[in-house]
Protein backbone atom coordinates (compact mmCIF):
# COMPACT_ATOMS: atom_id res chain seq x y z
CA MET A 1 6.55 17.35 11.51
CA ASN A 2 7.29 16.83 15.22
CA THR A 3 6.95 13.54 17.13
CA ILE A 4 3.53 14.41 18.53
CA LYS A 5 2.22 15.18 15.07
CA ASN A 6 3.63 11.92 13.75
CA ASP A 7 1.86 10.00 16.50
CA GLU A 8 -1.40 11.82 15.77
CA ILE A 9 -1.13 10.80 12.14
CA ARG A 10 -0.44 7.16 12.97
CA GLN A 11 -3.32 7.05 15.42
CA ALA A 12 -5.75 8.58 12.93
CA VAL A 13 -4.71 6.09 10.25
CA ARG A 14 -4.88 3.17 12.69
CA GLU A 15 -8.40 4.14 13.80
CA THR A 16 -9.64 4.62 10.24
CA TYR A 17 -8.40 1.28 8.95
CA GLY A 18 -9.33 -0.53 12.13
CA GLN A 19 -12.90 0.56 11.52
CA ILE A 20 -12.69 -0.55 7.89
CA ALA A 21 -11.47 -3.99 8.99
CA GLU A 22 -14.29 -4.36 11.50
CA THR A 23 -17.03 -3.25 9.11
CA SER A 24 -15.54 -4.76 5.91
CA SER A 25 -16.10 -1.36 4.31
CA SER A 26 -14.12 -0.33 1.26
CA CYS A 27 -14.00 3.32 2.27
CA CYS A 28 -10.61 4.93 1.85
CA GLY A 29 -11.56 7.40 4.54
CA THR A 30 -14.64 8.87 6.18
CA THR A 31 -15.06 11.41 3.38
CA SER A 32 -15.54 8.71 0.73
CA CYS A 33 -17.93 6.34 2.49
CA CYS A 34 -21.09 7.56 0.79
CA THR A 35 -19.90 7.23 -2.79
CA PRO A 36 -21.26 4.32 -4.88
CA SER A 37 -17.83 3.10 -5.96
CA ALA A 38 -16.67 2.94 -2.35
CA GLN A 39 -19.35 0.36 -1.64
CA GLN A 40 -18.23 -2.06 -4.39
CA PRO A 41 -14.76 -3.50 -3.70
CA GLN A 42 -14.74 -5.72 -6.77
CA LEU A 43 -15.71 -2.93 -9.13
CA LEU A 44 -13.08 -0.65 -7.66
CA SER A 45 -10.42 -3.35 -7.92
CA LEU A 46 -11.20 -3.76 -11.62
CA GLN A 47 -10.74 0.01 -12.02
CA LEU A 48 -7.37 -0.33 -10.29
CA GLY A 49 -6.18 -2.80 -12.90
CA TYR A 50 -6.85 -6.19 -11.34
CA ALA A 51 -8.21 -8.97 -13.55
CA PRO A 52 -11.60 -10.60 -12.89
CA GLN A 53 -9.86 -13.87 -12.05
CA ASP A 54 -7.86 -12.09 -9.34
CA LEU A 55 -11.06 -11.22 -7.50
CA ILE A 56 -12.17 -14.85 -7.18
CA ALA A 57 -8.72 -16.27 -6.46
CA VAL A 58 -8.51 -14.92 -2.90
CA PRO A 59 -10.37 -15.78 0.32
CA ASP A 60 -13.70 -14.09 0.93
CA GLY A 61 -13.14 -10.83 2.79
CA ALA A 62 -9.55 -10.36 1.65
CA ASN A 63 -10.45 -7.72 -0.94
CA LEU A 64 -11.72 -4.58 0.78
CA GLY A 65 -11.49 -2.43 -2.36
CA LEU A 66 -8.58 -0.43 -0.97
CA GLY A 67 -5.66 0.79 -3.05
CA CYS A 68 -4.76 3.06 -5.93
CA GLY A 69 -3.26 0.61 -8.42
CA ASN A 70 -2.07 -2.94 -8.91
CA PRO A 71 1.50 -3.61 -7.71
CA GLN A 72 1.21 -7.18 -9.00
CA ALA A 73 1.32 -5.78 -12.53
CA ILE A 74 4.83 -4.34 -12.07
CA ALA A 75 6.33 -6.73 -9.50
CA ASP A 76 7.05 -9.57 -11.99
CA LEU A 77 6.95 -12.14 -9.19
CA LYS A 78 8.66 -15.47 -9.76
CA PRO A 79 8.31 -18.92 -8.17
CA GLY A 80 10.39 -19.28 -5.01
CA GLU A 81 10.69 -15.58 -4.20
CA VAL A 82 10.11 -14.06 -0.77
CA VAL A 83 7.68 -11.14 -0.97
CA LEU A 84 6.95 -8.45 1.61
CA ASP A 85 3.75 -6.38 1.44
CA LEU A 86 3.90 -3.05 3.28
CA GLY A 87 0.49 -2.24 4.76
CA SER A 88 -1.04 -5.57 3.82
CA GLY A 89 -4.56 -4.93 5.13
CA ALA A 90 -6.82 -7.97 4.89
CA GLY A 91 -4.28 -9.70 2.63
CA PHE A 92 -5.58 -9.23 -0.92
CA ASP A 93 -2.20 -8.60 -2.57
CA CYS A 94 -0.49 -11.15 -0.32
CA PHE A 95 -2.79 -13.95 -1.45
CA LEU A 96 -2.33 -13.03 -5.10
CA ALA A 97 1.44 -12.96 -4.60
CA ALA A 98 1.34 -16.34 -2.86
CA THR A 99 -0.09 -17.95 -5.97
CA GLN A 100 2.65 -16.43 -8.11
CA VAL A 101 5.60 -17.41 -5.92
CA GLY A 102 4.17 -20.88 -5.32
CA PRO A 103 4.80 -23.32 -2.47
CA SER A 104 8.57 -22.77 -2.68
CA GLY A 105 8.08 -19.04 -2.12
CA HIS A 106 6.89 -17.09 0.89
CA VAL A 107 4.81 -13.95 1.44
CA ILE A 108 4.92 -11.70 4.52
CA GLY A 109 2.31 -9.04 5.14
CA VAL A 110 3.01 -6.25 7.64
CA ASP A 111 0.28 -3.95 8.95
CA MET A 112 0.11 -1.68 12.00
CA THR A 113 -3.64 -2.18 12.52
CA PRO A 114 -4.46 -5.09 14.85
CA GLN A 115 -7.94 -5.52 13.36
CA MET A 116 -6.45 -5.91 9.87
CA ILE A 117 -3.93 -8.48 11.08
CA THR A 118 -6.71 -10.45 12.77
CA LYS A 119 -8.80 -10.37 9.61
CA ALA A 120 -5.87 -11.35 7.39
CA ARG A 121 -4.89 -14.27 9.62
CA ALA A 122 -8.48 -15.49 9.61
CA ASN A 123 -8.34 -15.41 5.81
CA VAL A 124 -5.18 -17.55 5.90
CA ASN A 125 -6.95 -20.13 8.02
CA GLN A 126 -10.00 -19.99 5.78
CA ASP A 127 -8.16 -21.21 2.71
CA GLY A 128 -5.06 -22.82 4.22
CA TYR A 129 -2.31 -20.68 2.68
CA ALA A 130 0.86 -22.34 3.98
CA ASN A 131 3.20 -19.81 2.36
CA VAL A 132 1.62 -16.62 3.77
CA GLU A 133 2.03 -14.99 7.17
CA PHE A 134 1.01 -11.65 8.67
CA ARG A 135 2.98 -9.63 11.21
CA LEU A 136 1.86 -6.66 13.29
CA GLY A 137 4.22 -3.71 12.88
CA GLU A 138 4.88 -0.28 11.44
CA ILE A 139 6.42 0.09 8.01
CA GLU A 140 8.93 2.52 9.53
CA HIS A 141 10.10 -0.28 11.88
CA LEU A 142 9.68 -3.50 9.94
CA PRO A 143 9.59 -6.78 11.92
CA VAL A 144 11.68 -8.40 9.19
CA ALA A 145 15.32 -9.54 9.16
CA ASP A 146 18.05 -7.81 7.18
CA ALA A 147 18.49 -8.90 3.55
CA SER A 148 15.75 -11.53 3.75
CA VAL A 149 13.27 -10.39 1.07
CA ASP A 150 13.41 -10.55 -2.72
CA VAL A 151 10.52 -8.21 -3.57
CA ILE A 152 8.64 -5.47 -1.72
CA ILE A 153 5.14 -4.56 -2.83
CA SER A 154 2.67 -2.05 -1.40
CA ASN A 155 -0.62 -0.54 -2.46
CA CYS A 156 -1.46 3.04 -1.45
CA VAL A 157 0.14 2.86 2.01
CA ILE A 158 3.49 4.67 2.02
CA ASN A 159 1.72 8.01 1.47
CA LEU A 160 0.13 7.48 4.91
CA SER A 161 3.50 7.44 6.67
CA PRO A 162 4.75 10.65 8.30
CA ASP A 163 8.36 9.42 7.92
CA LYS A 164 8.88 8.30 4.34
CA PRO A 165 12.70 8.41 4.45
CA ARG A 166 12.56 5.86 7.25
CA VAL A 167 10.15 3.67 5.23
CA PHE A 168 12.52 3.59 2.28
CA ALA A 169 15.54 2.99 4.52
CA GLU A 170 13.75 0.02 6.09
CA ALA A 171 12.75 -1.29 2.67
CA PHE A 172 16.38 -1.12 1.57
CA ARG A 173 17.52 -2.88 4.75
CA VAL A 174 15.26 -5.91 4.41
CA LEU A 175 15.78 -6.42 0.68
CA ARG A 176 18.45 -8.81 -0.46
CA PRO A 177 21.14 -7.43 -2.80
CA GLY A 178 19.54 -7.40 -6.24
CA GLY A 179 16.06 -7.22 -4.75
CA ARG A 180 13.40 -4.87 -6.02
CA LEU A 181 10.57 -2.62 -4.91
CA ALA A 182 7.29 -2.41 -6.85
CA VAL A 183 4.73 -0.08 -5.33
CA SER A 184 1.46 1.58 -6.26
CA ASP A 185 1.02 4.80 -4.33
CA VAL A 186 -0.34 8.33 -4.44
CA VAL A 187 2.08 11.13 -5.31
CA ALA A 188 1.69 14.87 -5.72
CA PHE A 189 2.27 16.63 -9.01
CA ALA A 190 1.37 20.11 -7.71
CA PRO A 191 1.53 21.76 -4.27
CA ILE A 192 -1.07 20.38 -1.85
CA PRO A 193 -2.95 23.25 -0.13
CA ASP A 194 -2.09 23.82 3.53
CA ASP A 195 -5.66 23.24 4.67
CA ALA A 196 -5.62 19.85 2.95
CA ARG A 197 -2.23 18.99 4.49
CA ASP A 198 -3.69 19.64 7.96
CA ASP A 199 -6.82 17.53 7.36
CA LEU A 200 -6.42 14.13 9.07
CA GLU A 201 -9.45 12.75 7.22
CA LEU A 202 -7.84 13.59 3.87
CA LEU A 203 -4.62 12.03 5.10
CA SER A 204 -6.40 8.81 6.05
CA SER A 205 -8.05 8.94 2.61
CA CYS A 206 -4.57 8.61 1.03
CA VAL A 207 -4.46 12.23 -0.15
CA SER A 208 -2.78 14.84 2.03
CA GLY A 209 0.19 12.70 3.00
CA ALA A 210 1.31 12.31 -0.61
CA GLU A 211 4.82 13.48 -1.41
CA ASP A 212 5.91 15.16 -4.63
CA ALA A 213 6.79 12.55 -7.27
CA GLY A 214 10.28 13.98 -7.70
CA VAL A 215 10.88 13.95 -3.96
CA VAL A 216 9.78 10.30 -3.77
CA ALA A 217 12.36 9.41 -6.41
CA GLN A 218 15.05 11.39 -4.58
CA LEU A 219 14.25 9.75 -1.23
CA LEU A 220 14.57 6.32 -2.82
CA ARG A 221 17.97 7.23 -4.27
CA GLU A 222 19.12 8.62 -0.93
CA ALA A 223 18.11 5.33 0.69
CA GLY A 224 20.49 3.56 -1.74
CA PHE A 225 18.16 2.40 -4.50
CA ASP A 226 19.05 2.36 -8.21
CA GLY A 227 16.81 2.21 -11.26
CA VAL A 228 14.19 4.46 -9.70
CA VAL A 229 11.14 5.06 -11.91
CA VAL A 230 7.97 6.89 -10.87
CA THR A 231 5.23 6.60 -13.50
CA ALA A 232 2.07 8.63 -12.95
CA ASN A 233 -1.26 7.15 -14.01
CA GLN A 234 -3.38 10.08 -15.13
CA GLU A 235 -6.39 7.79 -15.64
CA SER A 236 -6.47 7.22 -11.88
CA LYS A 237 -8.05 10.64 -11.42
CA SER A 238 -11.33 9.15 -12.61
CA PHE A 239 -11.74 7.04 -9.47
CA MET A 240 -9.69 9.16 -7.06
CA ALA A 241 -12.20 12.00 -7.39
CA ASP A 242 -14.60 9.85 -5.34
CA TRP A 243 -12.22 9.69 -2.39
CA ALA A 244 -13.07 13.21 -1.19
CA PRO A 245 -16.30 14.48 -2.79
CA GLY A 246 -16.28 18.26 -3.02
CA ALA A 247 -12.52 18.56 -2.63
CA PRO A 248 -10.45 19.12 -5.82
CA ILE A 249 -7.84 16.52 -4.90
CA THR A 250 -7.13 15.51 -8.50
CA ASP A 251 -5.74 19.00 -9.01
CA TYR A 252 -2.66 17.96 -7.07
CA VAL A 253 -2.45 14.17 -6.55
CA VAL A 254 -2.42 11.13 -8.79
CA SER A 255 -1.70 7.41 -8.49
CA ALA A 256 1.70 6.23 -9.63
CA ALA A 257 3.70 3.04 -10.16
CA ILE A 258 6.99 3.26 -8.26
CA GLN A 259 9.86 0.91 -9.03
CA ALA A 260 13.41 0.68 -7.68
CA ASP A 261 16.21 -1.85 -7.28
CA LYS A 262 18.68 -2.59 -4.53
CA PRO A 263 22.16 -2.89 -6.09
CA ALA A 264 23.38 -6.46 -6.38
CA ALA A 265 26.88 -5.66 -5.15
């Protein structure tokens, strides 16, 4: 992809999720807005693996029903840790993480959509989360200091980036030695058709920007990570089919849990 194409992708994603923030819609893209499941954030979150108590433990409006899994389930967060959420949206995963790391910990959410940052900050003020903050920025250029984070989480966002090697390099940079990455994202298990690759709506719906699972693992290793594991969740096809009605996206993409460690030395 050239620079112009990359900018087109970022702009399309920013516009899509800006609209979602303003309307509090749970659509993962314009192609999925008419499906019943897309109108019920709590139901979709349960399908993604969140517990019922998670849905009532966050400020109203934080859960927009976005995502393709539950990074909390693999992050193993501990009290006192500093957590960074890539593409934090309205803050759902950040607020859940804040409870796990406690008052001695800290959670940073980064999102490139101003409307999402505004919504997330309003949610902080709503419930007085002293250990959560939200920063405007791109995940390819994180507004976070070197070696300052213990854990990176993300939910169905890295697939939207046109420069995944840069995302993983930035993740490696901001993690402390011995830190870890725990991400839910969409990966490809078969070639994505060219017409789908060129469809910006499918890209904003977390589909056509997906990278092959093996390539994702290789990019993480090239960035310096160890212990890389990419675990596909075949059951995710049951809800992903609603993301693009009429398009056979589950023939080539699936949700996956992605884990990696930054070496301690």
